Amino acid sequence: MKYQEILRAGYNKIAEEYQRWSGTVRLAEREFYTQMTLDSFQQEADILEIGCGTGIPTTKTLSRKFMVTGIDISDEQVRQAEENIPQAVFIRDDVLVRVV
């Protein structure tokens, strides 16, 4: 089994719990970088969020000002993100790249 399949299966399995957990850790950092993004780009700028998860809270916040495309390896997290933030675009894919 490839690492992508293992990673996808794991995040699919814990999608809801991961959303709850991630809302309790590194809050100051998330708020700082989200605000920095909000302050740095013009209204309706195109933003790519890598590892968007279920979209809560960062993608949702960014989508109020920007045209957001979120990418995540988990089918389930992308499905939930599409429900949570219908105005954004979501792609299920692996963004890890191996440079030789």
PDB file of N, CA and C in Angstrom:
ATOM      1  N   MET A   1       0.854  -1.185   0.000  1.00  0.00           N
ATOM      2  CA  MET A   1       0.000   0.000   0.000  1.00  0.00           C
ATOM      3  C   MET A   1       0.893   1.239   0.000  1.00  0.00           C
ATOM      4  N   LYS A   2       0.623   2.156  -0.882  1.00  0.00           N
ATOM      5  CA  LYS A   2       1.381   3.391  -0.965  1.00  0.00           C
ATOM      6  C   LYS A   2       1.083   4.287   0.229  1.00  0.00           C
ATOM      7  N   TYR A   3       2.036   5.161   0.552  1.00  0.00           N
ATOM      8  CA  TYR A   3       1.836   6.066   1.675  1.00  0.00           C
ATOM      9  C   TYR A   3       0.590   6.931   1.476  1.00  0.00           C
ATOM     10  N   GLN A   4       0.283   7.314   0.222  1.00  0.00           N
ATOM     11  CA  GLN A   4      -0.894   8.152  -0.026  1.00  0.00           C
ATOM     12  C   GLN A   4      -2.177   7.426   0.373  1.00  0.00           C
ATOM     13  N   GLU A   5      -2.247   6.128   0.079  1.00  0.00           N
ATOM     14  CA  GLU A   5      -3.436   5.349   0.425  1.00  0.00           C
ATOM     15  C   GLU A   5      -3.583   5.222   1.936  1.00  0.00           C
ATOM     16  N   ILE A   6      -2.476   5.017   2.636  1.00  0.00           N
ATOM     17  CA  ILE A   6      -2.493   4.912   4.099  1.00  0.00           C
ATOM     18  C   ILE A   6      -2.917   6.249   4.705  1.00  0.00           C
ATOM     19  N   LEU A   7      -2.316   7.332   4.213  1.00  0.00           N
ATOM     20  CA  LEU A   7      -2.635   8.666   4.724  1.00  0.00           C
ATOM     21  C   LEU A   7      -4.100   9.017   4.462  1.00  0.00           C
ATOM     22  N   ARG A   8      -4.569   8.784   3.242  1.00  0.00           N
ATOM     23  CA  ARG A   8      -5.959   9.071   2.883  1.00  0.00           C
ATOM     24  C   ARG A   8      -6.923   8.273   3.761  1.00  0.00           C
ATOM     25  N   ALA A   9      -6.661   6.984   3.909  1.00  0.00           N
ATOM     26  CA  ALA A   9      -7.535   6.122   4.715  1.00  0.00           C
ATOM     27  C   ALA A   9      -7.577   6.599   6.166  1.00  0.00           C
ATOM     28  N   GLY A  10      -6.430   6.994   6.697  1.00  0.00           N
ATOM     29  CA  GLY A  10      -6.385   7.474   8.077  1.00  0.00           C
ATOM     30  C   GLY A  10      -7.180   8.753   8.267  1.00  0.00           C
ATOM     31  N   TYR A  11      -6.977   9.726   7.390  1.00  0.00           N
ATOM     32  CA  TYR A  11      -7.721  10.990   7.512  1.00  0.00           C
ATOM     33  C   TYR A  11      -9.203  10.798   7.207  1.00  0.00           C
ATOM     34  N   ASN A  12      -9.544   9.896   6.303  1.00  0.00           N
ATOM     35  CA  ASN A  12     -10.964   9.598   6.073  1.00  0.00           C
ATOM     36  C   ASN A  12     -11.615   9.069   7.351  1.00  0.00           C
ATOM     37  N   LYS A  13     -10.888   8.198   8.035  1.00  0.00           N
ATOM     38  CA  LYS A  13     -11.425   7.564   9.240  1.00  0.00           C
ATOM     39  C   LYS A  13     -11.608   8.552  10.389  1.00  0.00           C
ATOM     40  N   ILE A  14     -10.702   9.506  10.532  1.00  0.00           N
ATOM     41  CA  ILE A  14     -10.751  10.410  11.691  1.00  0.00           C
ATOM     42  C   ILE A  14     -11.236  11.818  11.347  1.00  0.00           C
ATOM     43  N   ALA A  15     -11.850  12.006  10.190  1.00  0.00           N
ATOM     44  CA  ALA A  15     -12.195  13.351   9.704  1.00  0.00           C
ATOM     45  C   ALA A  15     -12.943  14.196  10.737  1.00  0.00           C
ATOM     46  N   GLU A  16     -13.996  13.665  11.315  1.00  0.00           N
ATOM     47  CA  GLU A  16     -14.781  14.458  12.269  1.00  0.00           C
ATOM     48  C   GLU A  16     -14.008  14.725  13.551  1.00  0.00           C
ATOM     49  N   GLU A  17     -13.332  13.722  14.069  1.00  0.00           N
ATOM     50  CA  GLU A  17     -12.542  13.906  15.289  1.00  0.00           C
ATOM     51  C   GLU A  17     -11.385  14.876  15.035  1.00  0.00           C
ATOM     52  N   TYR A  18     -10.780  14.790  13.861  1.00  0.00           N
ATOM     53  CA  TYR A  18      -9.683  15.699  13.526  1.00  0.00           C
ATOM     54  C   TYR A  18     -10.171  17.145  13.517  1.00  0.00           C
ATOM     55  N   GLN A  19     -11.350  17.380  12.980  1.00  0.00           N
ATOM     56  CA  GLN A  19     -11.890  18.737  12.977  1.00  0.00           C
ATOM     57  C   GLN A  19     -12.073  19.250  14.404  1.00  0.00           C
ATOM     58  N   ARG A  20     -12.613  18.433  15.285  1.00  0.00           N
ATOM     59  CA  ARG A  20     -12.786  18.854  16.685  1.00  0.00           C
ATOM     60  C   ARG A  20     -11.433  19.128  17.337  1.00  0.00           C
ATOM     61  N   TRP A  21     -10.490  18.205  17.157  1.00  0.00           N
ATOM     62  CA  TRP A  21      -9.173  18.342  17.772  1.00  0.00           C
ATOM     63  C   TRP A  21      -8.439  19.566  17.236  1.00  0.00           C
ATOM     64  N   SER A  22      -8.431  19.748  15.927  1.00  0.00           N
ATOM     65  CA  SER A  22      -7.656  20.843  15.345  1.00  0.00           C
ATOM     66  C   SER A  22      -8.177  22.211  15.763  1.00  0.00           C
ATOM     67  N   GLY A  23      -9.412  22.281  16.195  1.00  0.00           N
ATOM     68  CA  GLY A  23      -9.966  23.530  16.692  1.00  0.00           C
ATOM     69  C   GLY A  23      -9.520  23.881  18.103  1.00  0.00           C
ATOM     70  N   THR A  24      -8.681  23.029  18.682  1.00  0.00           N
ATOM     71  CA  THR A  24      -8.236  23.261  20.061  1.00  0.00           C
ATOM     72  C   THR A  24      -6.728  23.470  20.178  1.00  0.00           C
ATOM     73  N   VAL A  25      -5.998  23.356  19.080  1.00  0.00           N
ATOM     74  CA  VAL A  25      -4.535  23.452  19.131  1.00  0.00           C
ATOM     75  C   VAL A  25      -4.023  24.546  18.204  1.00  0.00           C
ATOM     76  N   ARG A  26      -2.921  25.152  18.613  1.00  0.00           N
ATOM     77  CA  ARG A  26      -2.224  26.158  17.813  1.00  0.00           C
ATOM     78  C   ARG A  26      -3.156  27.268  17.336  1.00  0.00           C
ATOM     79  N   LEU A  27      -4.054  27.672  18.207  1.00  0.00           N
ATOM     80  CA  LEU A  27      -5.041  28.692  17.847  1.00  0.00           C
ATOM     81  C   LEU A  27      -4.394  30.038  17.549  1.00  0.00           C
ATOM     82  N   ALA A  28      -3.435  30.442  18.348  1.00  0.00           N
ATOM     83  CA  ALA A  28      -2.781  31.740  18.145  1.00  0.00           C
ATOM     84  C   ALA A  28      -2.067  31.781  16.796  1.00  0.00           C
ATOM     85  N   GLU A  29      -1.363  30.703  16.453  1.00  0.00           N
ATOM     86  CA  GLU A  29      -0.670  30.662  15.165  1.00  0.00           C
ATOM     87  C   GLU A  29      -1.660  30.716  14.013  1.00  0.00           C
ATOM     88  N   ARG A  30      -2.727  29.927  14.089  1.00  0.00           N
ATOM     89  CA  ARG A  30      -3.735  29.906  13.023  1.00  0.00           C
ATOM     90  C   ARG A  30      -4.353  31.287  12.851  1.00  0.00           C
ATOM     91  N   GLU A  31      -4.725  31.911  13.952  1.00  0.00           N
ATOM     92  CA  GLU A  31      -5.328  33.244  13.871  1.00  0.00           C
ATOM     93  C   GLU A  31      -4.346  34.261  13.301  1.00  0.00           C
ATOM     94  N   PHE A  32      -3.078  34.187  13.705  1.00  0.00           N
ATOM     95  CA  PHE A  32      -2.064  35.121  13.209  1.00  0.00           C
ATOM     96  C   PHE A  32      -1.920  35.009  11.695  1.00  0.00           C
ATOM     97  N   TYR A  33      -1.730  33.794  11.189  1.00  0.00           N
ATOM     98  CA  TYR A  33      -1.500  33.618   9.760  1.00  0.00           C
ATOM     99  C   TYR A  33      -2.767  33.839   8.937  1.00  0.00           C
ATOM    100  N   THR A  34      -3.907  33.524   9.484  1.00  0.00           N
ATOM    101  CA  THR A  34      -5.157  33.822   8.784  1.00  0.00           C
ATOM    102  C   THR A  34      -5.327  35.325   8.656  1.00  0.00           C
ATOM    103  N   GLN A  35      -5.077  36.051   9.726  1.00  0.00           N
ATOM    104  CA  GLN A  35      -5.204  37.509   9.676  1.00  0.00           C
ATOM    105  C   GLN A  35      -4.168  38.118   8.738  1.00  0.00           C
ATOM    106  N   MET A  36      -2.952  37.583   8.750  1.00  0.00           N
ATOM    107  CA  MET A  36      -1.923  38.069   7.844  1.00  0.00           C
ATOM    108  C   MET A  36      -2.357  37.883   6.386  1.00  0.00           C
ATOM    109  N   THR A  37      -2.966  36.759   6.085  1.00  0.00           N
ATOM    110  CA  THR A  37      -3.467  36.512   4.732  1.00  0.00           C
ATOM    111  C   THR A  37      -4.584  37.489   4.395  1.00  0.00           C
ATOM    112  N   LEU A  38      -5.517  37.677   5.323  1.00  0.00           N
ATOM    113  CA  LEU A  38      -6.616  38.617   5.096  1.00  0.00           C
ATOM    114  C   LEU A  38      -6.102  40.030   4.831  1.00  0.00           C
ATOM    115  N   ASP A  39      -5.047  40.419   5.528  1.00  0.00           N
ATOM    116  CA  ASP A  39      -4.498  41.773   5.396  1.00  0.00           C
ATOM    117  C   ASP A  39      -3.599  41.946   4.170  1.00  0.00           C
ATOM    118  N   SER A  40      -3.105  40.853   3.610  1.00  0.00           N
ATOM    119  CA  SER A  40      -2.079  40.930   2.571  1.00  0.00           C
ATOM    120  C   SER A  40      -2.610  40.904   1.140  1.00  0.00           C
ATOM    121  N   PHE A  41      -3.840  40.478   0.960  1.00  0.00           N
ATOM    122  CA  PHE A  41      -4.366  40.317  -0.388  1.00  0.00           C
ATOM    123  C   PHE A  41      -5.638  41.129  -0.580  1.00  0.00           C
ATOM    124  N   GLN A  42      -5.885  41.510  -1.827  1.00  0.00           N
ATOM    125  CA  GLN A  42      -7.076  42.285  -2.145  1.00  0.00           C
ATOM    126  C   GLN A  42      -8.319  41.400  -2.159  1.00  0.00           C
ATOM    127  N   GLN A  43      -9.456  42.045  -2.001  1.00  0.00           N
ATOM    128  CA  GLN A  43     -10.763  41.381  -2.074  1.00  0.00           C
ATOM    129  C   GLN A  43     -10.835  40.518  -3.329  1.00  0.00           C
ATOM    130  N   GLU A  44     -11.353  39.320  -3.189  1.00  0.00           N
ATOM    131  CA  GLU A  44     -11.575  38.357  -4.266  1.00  0.00           C
ATOM    132  C   GLU A  44     -10.295  37.825  -4.903  1.00  0.00           C
ATOM    133  N   ALA A  45      -9.157  37.952  -4.213  1.00  0.00           N
ATOM    134  CA  ALA A  45      -7.925  37.334  -4.702  1.00  0.00           C
ATOM    135  C   ALA A  45      -8.101  35.818  -4.716  1.00  0.00           C
ATOM    136  N   ASP A  46      -7.377  35.147  -5.601  1.00  0.00           N
ATOM    137  CA  ASP A  46      -7.395  33.687  -5.650  1.00  0.00           C
ATOM    138  C   ASP A  46      -6.419  33.147  -4.617  1.00  0.00           C
ATOM    139  N   ILE A  47      -6.912  32.296  -3.731  1.00  0.00           N
ATOM    140  CA  ILE A  47      -6.113  31.726  -2.651  1.00  0.00           C
ATOM    141  C   ILE A  47      -6.164  30.203  -2.755  1.00  0.00           C
ATOM    142  N   LEU A  48      -5.015  29.553  -2.660  1.00  0.00           N
ATOM    143  CA  LEU A  48      -4.938  28.098  -2.615  1.00  0.00           C
ATOM    144  C   LEU A  48      -4.577  27.696  -1.196  1.00  0.00           C
ATOM    145  N   GLU A  49      -5.441  26.928  -0.582  1.00  0.00           N
ATOM    146  CA  GLU A  49      -5.164  26.443   0.773  1.00  0.00           C
ATOM    147  C   GLU A  49      -4.806  24.962   0.696  1.00  0.00           C
ATOM    148  N   ILE A  50      -3.570  24.659   1.025  1.00  0.00           N
ATOM    149  CA  ILE A  50      -3.072  23.283   0.965  1.00  0.00           C
ATOM    150  C   ILE A  50      -3.293  22.623   2.316  1.00  0.00           C
ATOM    151  N   GLY A  51      -3.943  21.459   2.300  1.00  0.00           N
ATOM    152  CA  GLY A  51      -4.269  20.765   3.539  1.00  0.00           C
ATOM    153  C   GLY A  51      -5.447  21.415   4.231  1.00  0.00           C
ATOM    154  N   CYS A  52      -6.498  21.675   3.483  1.00  0.00           N
ATOM    155  CA  CYS A  52      -7.645  22.437   3.999  1.00  0.00           C
ATOM    156  C   CYS A  52      -8.509  21.663   4.983  1.00  0.00           C
ATOM    157  N   GLY A  53      -8.376  20.347   5.018  1.00  0.00           N
ATOM    158  CA  GLY A  53      -9.227  19.561   5.916  1.00  0.00           C
ATOM    159  C   GLY A  53     -10.694  19.790   5.614  1.00  0.00           C
ATOM    160  N   THR A  54     -11.490  19.952   6.649  1.00  0.00           N
ATOM    161  CA  THR A  54     -12.937  20.149   6.479  1.00  0.00           C
ATOM    162  C   THR A  54     -13.297  21.614   6.235  1.00  0.00           C
ATOM    163  N   GLY A  55     -12.282  22.480   6.211  1.00  0.00           N
ATOM    164  CA  GLY A  55     -12.527  23.884   5.920  1.00  0.00           C
ATOM    165  C   GLY A  55     -12.854  24.758   7.105  1.00  0.00           C
ATOM    166  N   ILE A  56     -12.962  24.153   8.282  1.00  0.00           N
ATOM    167  CA  ILE A  56     -13.324  24.897   9.485  1.00  0.00           C
ATOM    168  C   ILE A  56     -12.092  25.022  10.367  1.00  0.00           C
ATOM    169  N   PRO A  57     -11.694  26.186  10.764  1.00  0.00           N
ATOM    170  CA  PRO A  57     -12.300  27.495  10.520  1.00  0.00           C
ATOM    171  C   PRO A  57     -11.636  28.290   9.404  1.00  0.00           C
ATOM    172  N   THR A  58     -10.418  27.893   8.993  1.00  0.00           N
ATOM    173  CA  THR A  58      -9.610  28.769   8.144  1.00  0.00           C
ATOM    174  C   THR A  58     -10.226  29.008   6.770  1.00  0.00           C
ATOM    175  N   THR A  59     -10.579  27.954   6.051  1.00  0.00           N
ATOM    176  CA  THR A  59     -11.137  28.131   4.707  1.00  0.00           C
ATOM    177  C   THR A  59     -12.408  28.966   4.759  1.00  0.00           C
ATOM    178  N   LYS A  60     -13.232  28.704   5.753  1.00  0.00           N
ATOM    179  CA  LYS A  60     -14.480  29.459   5.885  1.00  0.00           C
ATOM    180  C   LYS A  60     -14.199  30.949   6.066  1.00  0.00           C
ATOM    181  N   THR A  61     -13.236  31.271   6.915  1.00  0.00           N
ATOM    182  CA  THR A  61     -12.875  32.669   7.148  1.00  0.00           C
ATOM    183  C   THR A  61     -12.322  33.306   5.879  1.00  0.00           C
ATOM    184  N   LEU A  62     -11.402  32.625   5.219  1.00  0.00           N
ATOM    185  CA  LEU A  62     -10.802  33.171   4.007  1.00  0.00           C
ATOM    186  C   LEU A  62     -11.819  33.342   2.882  1.00  0.00           C
ATOM    187  N   SER A  63     -12.791  32.443   2.810  1.00  0.00           N
ATOM    188  CA  SER A  63     -13.768  32.496   1.714  1.00  0.00           C
ATOM    189  C   SER A  63     -14.723  33.681   1.822  1.00  0.00           C
ATOM    190  N   ARG A  64     -14.739  34.350   2.954  1.00  0.00           N
ATOM    191  CA  ARG A  64     -15.567  35.555   3.082  1.00  0.00           C
ATOM    192  C   ARG A  64     -14.996  36.720   2.281  1.00  0.00           C
ATOM    193  N   LYS A  65     -13.696  36.658   1.990  1.00  0.00           N
ATOM    194  CA  LYS A  65     -13.041  37.743   1.268  1.00  0.00           C
ATOM    195  C   LYS A  65     -12.442  37.292  -0.068  1.00  0.00           C
ATOM    196  N   PHE A  66     -12.029  36.030  -0.151  1.00  0.00           N
ATOM    197  CA  PHE A  66     -11.263  35.552  -1.297  1.00  0.00           C
ATOM    198  C   PHE A  66     -11.995  34.449  -2.054  1.00  0.00           C
ATOM    199  N   MET A  67     -11.482  34.174  -3.254  1.00  0.00           N
ATOM    200  CA  MET A  67     -11.902  33.025  -4.041  1.00  0.00           C
ATOM    201  C   MET A  67     -10.960  31.887  -3.638  1.00  0.00           C
ATOM    202  N   VAL A  68     -11.443  30.978  -2.826  1.00  0.00           N
ATOM    203  CA  VAL A  68     -10.577  29.956  -2.225  1.00  0.00           C
ATOM    204  C   VAL A  68     -10.737  28.616  -2.938  1.00  0.00           C
ATOM    205  N   THR A  69      -9.593  28.003  -3.216  1.00  0.00           N
ATOM    206  CA  THR A  69      -9.544  26.614  -3.642  1.00  0.00           C
ATOM    207  C   THR A  69      -8.787  25.867  -2.558  1.00  0.00           C
ATOM    208  N   GLY A  70      -9.416  24.834  -2.012  1.00  0.00           N
ATOM    209  CA  GLY A  70      -8.791  24.023  -0.979  1.00  0.00           C
ATOM    210  C   GLY A  70      -8.414  22.669  -1.549  1.00  0.00           C
ATOM    211  N   ILE A  71      -7.286  22.154  -1.093  1.00  0.00           N
ATOM    212  CA  ILE A  71      -6.841  20.833  -1.538  1.00  0.00           C
ATOM    213  C   ILE A  71      -6.499  19.993  -0.311  1.00  0.00           C
ATOM    214  N   ASP A  72      -6.941  18.742  -0.345  1.00  0.00           N
ATOM    215  CA  ASP A  72      -6.670  17.832   0.769  1.00  0.00           C
ATOM    216  C   ASP A  72      -6.639  16.412   0.220  1.00  0.00           C
ATOM    217  N   ILE A  73      -5.901  15.540   0.875  1.00  0.00           N
ATOM    218  CA  ILE A  73      -5.771  14.152   0.426  1.00  0.00           C
ATOM    219  C   ILE A  73      -6.985  13.296   0.817  1.00  0.00           C
ATOM    220  N   SER A  74      -7.760  13.735   1.786  1.00  0.00           N
ATOM    221  CA  SER A  74      -8.858  12.935   2.336  1.00  0.00           C
ATOM    222  C   SER A  74     -10.172  13.173   1.596  1.00  0.00           C
ATOM    223  N   ASP A  75     -10.744  12.098   1.064  1.00  0.00           N
ATOM    224  CA  ASP A  75     -12.052  12.186   0.408  1.00  0.00           C
ATOM    225  C   ASP A  75     -13.106  12.721   1.381  1.00  0.00           C
ATOM    226  N   GLU A  76     -13.095  12.202   2.590  1.00  0.00           N
ATOM    227  CA  GLU A  76     -14.102  12.580   3.583  1.00  0.00           C
ATOM    228  C   GLU A  76     -13.940  14.034   4.011  1.00  0.00           C
ATOM    229  N   GLN A  77     -12.723  14.476   4.206  1.00  0.00           N
ATOM    230  CA  GLN A  77     -12.539  15.875   4.600  1.00  0.00           C
ATOM    231  C   GLN A  77     -12.951  16.815   3.474  1.00  0.00           C
ATOM    232  N   VAL A  78     -12.648  16.466   2.233  1.00  0.00           N
ATOM    233  CA  VAL A  78     -13.088  17.292   1.103  1.00  0.00           C
ATOM    234  C   VAL A  78     -14.615  17.299   1.023  1.00  0.00           C
ATOM    235  N   ARG A  79     -15.237  16.148   1.227  1.00  0.00           N
ATOM    236  CA  ARG A  79     -16.710  16.088   1.208  1.00  0.00           C
ATOM    237  C   ARG A  79     -17.297  17.019   2.260  1.00  0.00           C
ATOM    238  N   GLN A  80     -16.753  16.978   3.471  1.00  0.00           N
ATOM    239  CA  GLN A  80     -17.244  17.845   4.535  1.00  0.00           C
ATOM    240  C   GLN A  80     -16.959  19.315   4.226  1.00  0.00           C
ATOM    241  N   ALA A  81     -15.795  19.599   3.666  1.00  0.00           N
ATOM    242  CA  ALA A  81     -15.453  20.981   3.308  1.00  0.00           C
ATOM    243  C   ALA A  81     -16.444  21.521   2.281  1.00  0.00           C
ATOM    244  N   GLU A  82     -16.819  20.705   1.313  1.00  0.00           N
ATOM    245  CA  GLU A  82     -17.798  21.131   0.306  1.00  0.00           C
ATOM    246  C   GLU A  82     -19.147  21.458   0.947  1.00  0.00           C
ATOM    247  N   GLU A  83     -19.527  20.700   1.954  1.00  0.00           N
ATOM    248  CA  GLU A  83     -20.769  20.991   2.689  1.00  0.00           C
ATOM    249  C   GLU A  83     -20.614  22.244   3.546  1.00  0.00           C
ATOM    250  N   ASN A  84     -19.473  22.401   4.197  1.00  0.00           N
ATOM    251  CA  ASN A  84     -19.254  23.517   5.111  1.00  0.00           C
ATOM    252  C   ASN A  84     -19.082  24.854   4.400  1.00  0.00           C
ATOM    253  N   ILE A  85     -18.460  24.851   3.242  1.00  0.00           N
ATOM    254  CA  ILE A  85     -18.155  26.098   2.527  1.00  0.00           C
ATOM    255  C   ILE A  85     -18.483  25.911   1.044  1.00  0.00           C
ATOM    256  N   PRO A  86     -19.754  25.965   0.691  1.00  0.00           N
ATOM    257  CA  PRO A  86     -20.143  25.700  -0.698  1.00  0.00           C
ATOM    258  C   PRO A  86     -19.625  26.731  -1.700  1.00  0.00           C
ATOM    259  N   GLN A  87     -19.249  27.916  -1.244  1.00  0.00           N
ATOM    260  CA  GLN A  87     -18.763  28.943  -2.168  1.00  0.00           C
ATOM    261  C   GLN A  87     -17.303  28.735  -2.575  1.00  0.00           C
ATOM    262  N   ALA A  88     -16.598  27.813  -1.922  1.00  0.00           N
ATOM    263  CA  ALA A  88     -15.204  27.526  -2.271  1.00  0.00           C
ATOM    264  C   ALA A  88     -15.151  26.303  -3.190  1.00  0.00           C
ATOM    265  N   VAL A  89     -14.006  26.102  -3.798  1.00  0.00           N
ATOM    266  CA  VAL A  89     -13.761  24.943  -4.654  1.00  0.00           C
ATOM    267  C   VAL A  89     -12.800  24.012  -3.914  1.00  0.00           C
ATOM    268  N   PHE A  90     -13.088  22.709  -3.955  1.00  0.00           N
ATOM    269  CA  PHE A  90     -12.235  21.752  -3.251  1.00  0.00           C
ATOM    270  C   PHE A  90     -11.791  20.642  -4.190  1.00  0.00           C
ATOM    271  N   ILE A  91     -10.549  20.228  -4.002  1.00  0.00           N
ATOM    272  CA  ILE A  91      -9.938  19.185  -4.813  1.00  0.00           C
ATOM    273  C   ILE A  91      -9.348  18.141  -3.874  1.00  0.00           C
ATOM    274  N   ARG A  92      -9.650  16.874  -4.158  1.00  0.00           N
ATOM    275  CA  ARG A  92      -9.035  15.797  -3.386  1.00  0.00           C
ATOM    276  C   ARG A  92      -7.814  15.341  -4.167  1.00  0.00           C
ATOM    277  N   ASP A  93      -6.649  15.609  -3.585  1.00  0.00           N
ATOM    278  CA  ASP A  93      -5.402  15.229  -4.240  1.00  0.00           C
ATOM    279  C   ASP A  93      -4.269  15.248  -3.226  1.00  0.00           C
ATOM    280  N   ASP A  94      -3.134  14.716  -3.633  1.00  0.00           N
ATOM    281  CA  ASP A  94      -1.943  14.673  -2.809  1.00  0.00           C
ATOM    282  C   ASP A  94      -1.006  15.783  -3.266  1.00  0.00           C
ATOM    283  N   VAL A  95      -0.621  16.661  -2.370  1.00  0.00           N
ATOM    284  CA  VAL A  95       0.250  17.780  -2.739  1.00  0.00           C
ATOM    285  C   VAL A  95       1.730  17.518  -2.434  1.00  0.00           C
ATOM    286  N   LEU A  96       2.020  16.379  -1.841  1.00  0.00           N
ATOM    287  CA  LEU A  96       3.411  16.058  -1.559  1.00  0.00           C
ATOM    288  C   LEU A  96       4.141  15.744  -2.856  1.00  0.00           C
ATOM    289  N   VAL A  97       5.287  16.335  -3.019  1.00  0.00           N
ATOM    290  CA  VAL A  97       6.052  16.155  -4.244  1.00  0.00           C
ATOM    291  C   VAL A  97       7.455  15.676  -3.855  1.00  0.00           C
ATOM    292  N   ARG A  98       7.920  14.691  -4.548  1.00  0.00           N
ATOM    293  CA  ARG A  98       9.273  14.192  -4.306  1.00  0.00           C
ATOM    294  C   ARG A  98      10.179  14.744  -5.392  1.00  0.00           C
ATOM    295  N   VAL A  99      11.176  15.485  -4.971  1.00  0.00           N
ATOM    296  CA  VAL A  99      12.137  16.052  -5.903  1.00  0.00           C
ATOM    297  C   VAL A  99      13.374  15.174  -5.908  1.00  0.00           C
ATOM    298  N   VAL A 100      13.759  14.731  -7.076  1.00  0.00           N
ATOM    299  CA  VAL A 100      14.927  13.847  -7.211  1.00  0.00           C
ATOM    300  C   VAL A 100      16.138  14.652  -7.617  1.00  0.00           C
TER     301      VAL A 100
END
